[in-house]
Amino acid sequence: MTVLLLIAVLFVGGTILMRNERPKSENPLLEAQQSMLEQLGFEVQLEPPQAGGLAVQKVAPKSLAQAVGMRVGDVVLAVNDSSVWHALQLQELLDKAQMQGGPVRLMVRNQGVYRTLILGRGTAPPSSRARSGAPAPAPAPARAGG
């Protein structure tokens, strides 16, 4: 009798737990895109071009993405030195980087110019570096006796 009661309790408990599970997303790509838009303020294309990276299709006004200089047309190539090849993978890399607590570095390209956008707490102002393959200009020499 006790065994039957225990089996019944476990069955009912398992049924209740299964009903309370969060249903799996109907479209994980759209969910990842929505999450990036809500958390960081940008949206990327869902399928990558053959050249790699994901093109930014939308930058929300007054968002973190806009604050660090992200623009529509930028192509996100890497997150913290990991190449980006798909929207789901981009979301996973962003989540992982944010959980680690340090700054998140996004390598983007726009019209042949590569920039690093840094997202993170305590980054003021967010830095971005531009390079186009040409060497940076040499710093001006210091003047003596000034």
Protein backbone atom coordinates (compact mmCIF):
# COMPACT_ATOMS: atom_id res chain seq x y z
CA MET A 1 0.00 0.00 0.00
CA THR A 2 2.80 2.43 0.90
CA VAL A 3 4.60 1.65 -2.37
CA LEU A 4 1.47 2.42 -4.41
CA LEU A 5 1.00 5.69 -2.54
CA LEU A 6 4.64 6.65 -3.18
CA ILE A 7 4.31 5.84 -6.90
CA ALA A 8 1.13 7.93 -7.13
CA VAL A 9 2.80 10.91 -5.41
CA LEU A 10 5.82 10.72 -7.72
CA PHE A 11 3.58 10.46 -10.80
CA VAL A 12 1.47 13.48 -9.80
CA GLY A 13 4.57 15.47 -8.82
CA GLY A 14 6.25 14.68 -12.13
CA THR A 15 3.14 15.69 -14.07
CA ILE A 16 2.96 19.03 -12.25
CA LEU A 17 6.66 19.72 -12.86
CA MET A 18 6.30 18.95 -16.56
CA ARG A 19 3.39 21.37 -16.89
CA ASN A 20 5.45 24.17 -15.30
CA GLU A 21 8.40 23.77 -17.66
CA ARG A 22 8.98 26.67 -20.01
CA PRO A 23 7.92 25.65 -23.51
CA LYS A 24 10.67 25.50 -26.10
CA SER A 25 10.80 28.45 -28.44
CA GLU A 26 8.96 28.10 -31.73
CA ASN A 27 11.73 30.03 -33.49
CA PRO A 28 15.05 30.22 -31.62
CA LEU A 29 16.54 32.54 -34.27
CA LEU A 30 13.86 35.17 -33.74
CA GLU A 31 14.18 34.74 -29.97
CA ALA A 32 17.96 35.34 -30.16
CA GLN A 33 17.44 38.39 -32.36
CA GLN A 34 14.83 39.81 -29.97
CA SER A 35 17.10 39.18 -26.98
CA MET A 36 19.99 41.12 -28.60
CA LEU A 37 17.65 43.98 -29.43
CA GLU A 38 16.29 44.16 -25.87
CA GLN A 39 19.62 43.71 -24.05
CA LEU A 40 22.07 45.61 -26.25
CA GLY A 41 19.96 47.53 -28.73
CA PHE A 42 20.87 45.98 -32.06
CA GLU A 43 19.44 43.46 -34.49
CA VAL A 44 21.38 41.38 -37.00
CA GLN A 45 20.38 39.46 -40.09
CA LEU A 46 19.39 35.90 -39.29
CA GLU A 47 21.44 34.17 -41.96
CA PRO A 48 25.09 35.05 -42.57
CA PRO A 49 26.40 36.04 -45.99
CA GLN A 50 29.06 33.84 -47.60
CA ALA A 51 31.78 36.30 -46.55
CA GLY A 52 31.08 35.64 -42.84
CA GLY A 53 29.86 37.80 -40.00
CA LEU A 54 26.35 39.14 -39.48
CA ALA A 55 25.15 42.48 -40.82
CA VAL A 56 23.53 44.86 -38.34
CA GLN A 57 20.04 45.68 -39.61
CA LYS A 58 18.81 47.88 -36.78
CA VAL A 59 20.32 49.97 -33.97
CA ALA A 60 17.85 51.15 -31.34
CA PRO A 61 18.00 54.84 -30.36
CA LYS A 62 19.54 55.53 -26.93
CA SER A 63 20.74 51.92 -26.68
CA LEU A 64 24.08 50.55 -25.56
CA ALA A 65 24.83 49.60 -29.17
CA GLN A 66 24.26 53.19 -30.33
CA ALA A 67 26.31 54.54 -27.42
CA VAL A 68 29.37 52.52 -28.47
CA GLY A 69 29.05 53.58 -32.10
CA MET A 70 27.38 50.63 -33.76
CA ARG A 71 25.73 51.53 -37.06
CA VAL A 72 23.33 49.88 -39.48
CA GLY A 73 25.49 48.19 -42.09
CA ASP A 74 28.23 47.18 -39.64
CA VAL A 75 29.08 43.50 -39.94
CA VAL A 76 29.75 41.77 -36.62
CA LEU A 77 32.73 39.50 -37.22
CA ALA A 78 33.80 38.40 -33.73
CA VAL A 79 32.94 38.55 -30.04
CA ASN A 80 35.98 38.48 -27.73
CA ASP A 81 38.15 36.89 -30.44
CA SER A 82 35.59 34.19 -31.36
CA SER A 83 34.38 34.37 -34.95
CA VAL A 84 30.67 34.93 -35.57
CA TRP A 85 28.91 32.82 -38.17
CA HIS A 86 25.27 32.58 -37.04
CA ALA A 87 22.73 34.60 -35.02
CA LEU A 88 22.26 31.86 -32.41
CA GLN A 89 25.99 31.53 -31.97
CA LEU A 90 26.32 35.34 -31.65
CA GLN A 91 23.72 35.31 -28.87
CA GLU A 92 25.55 32.47 -27.09
CA LEU A 93 28.88 34.31 -27.32
CA LEU A 94 27.31 37.52 -25.99
CA ASP A 95 25.66 35.65 -23.10
CA LYS A 96 28.92 33.86 -22.23
CA ALA A 97 30.94 37.08 -22.35
CA GLN A 98 28.43 38.92 -20.16
CA MET A 99 28.41 36.09 -17.59
CA GLN A 100 32.21 36.28 -17.35
CA GLY A 101 31.76 39.88 -16.20
CA GLY A 102 34.47 41.58 -18.23
CA PRO A 103 34.08 43.89 -21.19
CA VAL A 104 32.62 42.46 -24.38
CA ARG A 105 34.66 43.26 -27.49
CA LEU A 106 32.84 43.21 -30.82
CA MET A 107 34.93 43.30 -34.00
CA VAL A 108 32.88 44.95 -36.75
CA ARG A 109 33.57 45.86 -40.37
CA ASN A 110 31.89 48.56 -42.43
CA GLN A 111 33.02 49.46 -45.95
CA GLY A 112 36.47 47.95 -45.44
CA VAL A 113 37.07 49.65 -42.09
CA TYR A 114 37.45 47.40 -39.05
CA ARG A 115 36.53 48.65 -35.57
CA THR A 116 36.46 47.16 -32.10
CA LEU A 117 33.43 48.19 -30.07
CA ILE A 118 33.68 47.58 -26.35
CA LEU A 119 30.53 46.91 -24.34
CA GLY A 120 30.72 46.61 -20.61
CA ARG A 121 30.16 48.07 -17.21
CA GLY A 122 32.63 50.72 -16.22
CA THR A 123 33.64 51.47 -19.79
CA ALA A 124 33.50 55.21 -20.09
CA PRO A 125 33.52 56.27 -22.82
CA PRO A 126 33.26 53.05 -24.81
CA SER A 127 36.33 52.82 -26.98
CA SER A 128 36.41 52.02 -30.63
CA ARG A 129 39.43 51.72 -32.85
CA ALA A 130 39.33 52.09 -36.57
CA ARG A 131 41.73 50.59 -39.03
CA SER A 132 41.61 50.11 -42.75
CA GLY A 133 44.82 48.25 -43.33
CA ALA A 134 46.82 51.45 -43.61
CA PRO A 135 49.28 52.15 -40.80
CA ALA A 136 48.22 54.62 -38.16
CA PRO A 137 49.82 58.05 -38.41
CA ALA A 138 52.93 58.45 -36.29
CA PRO A 139 52.52 60.57 -33.15
CA ALA A 140 53.86 64.09 -33.33
CA PRO A 141 57.28 64.46 -31.72
CA ALA A 142 57.33 66.12 -28.30
CA ARG A 143 58.63 69.67 -28.23
CA ALA A 144 61.35 70.57 -25.78
CA GLY A 145 61.41 73.77 -23.75
CA GLY A 146 57.80 74.60 -23.94
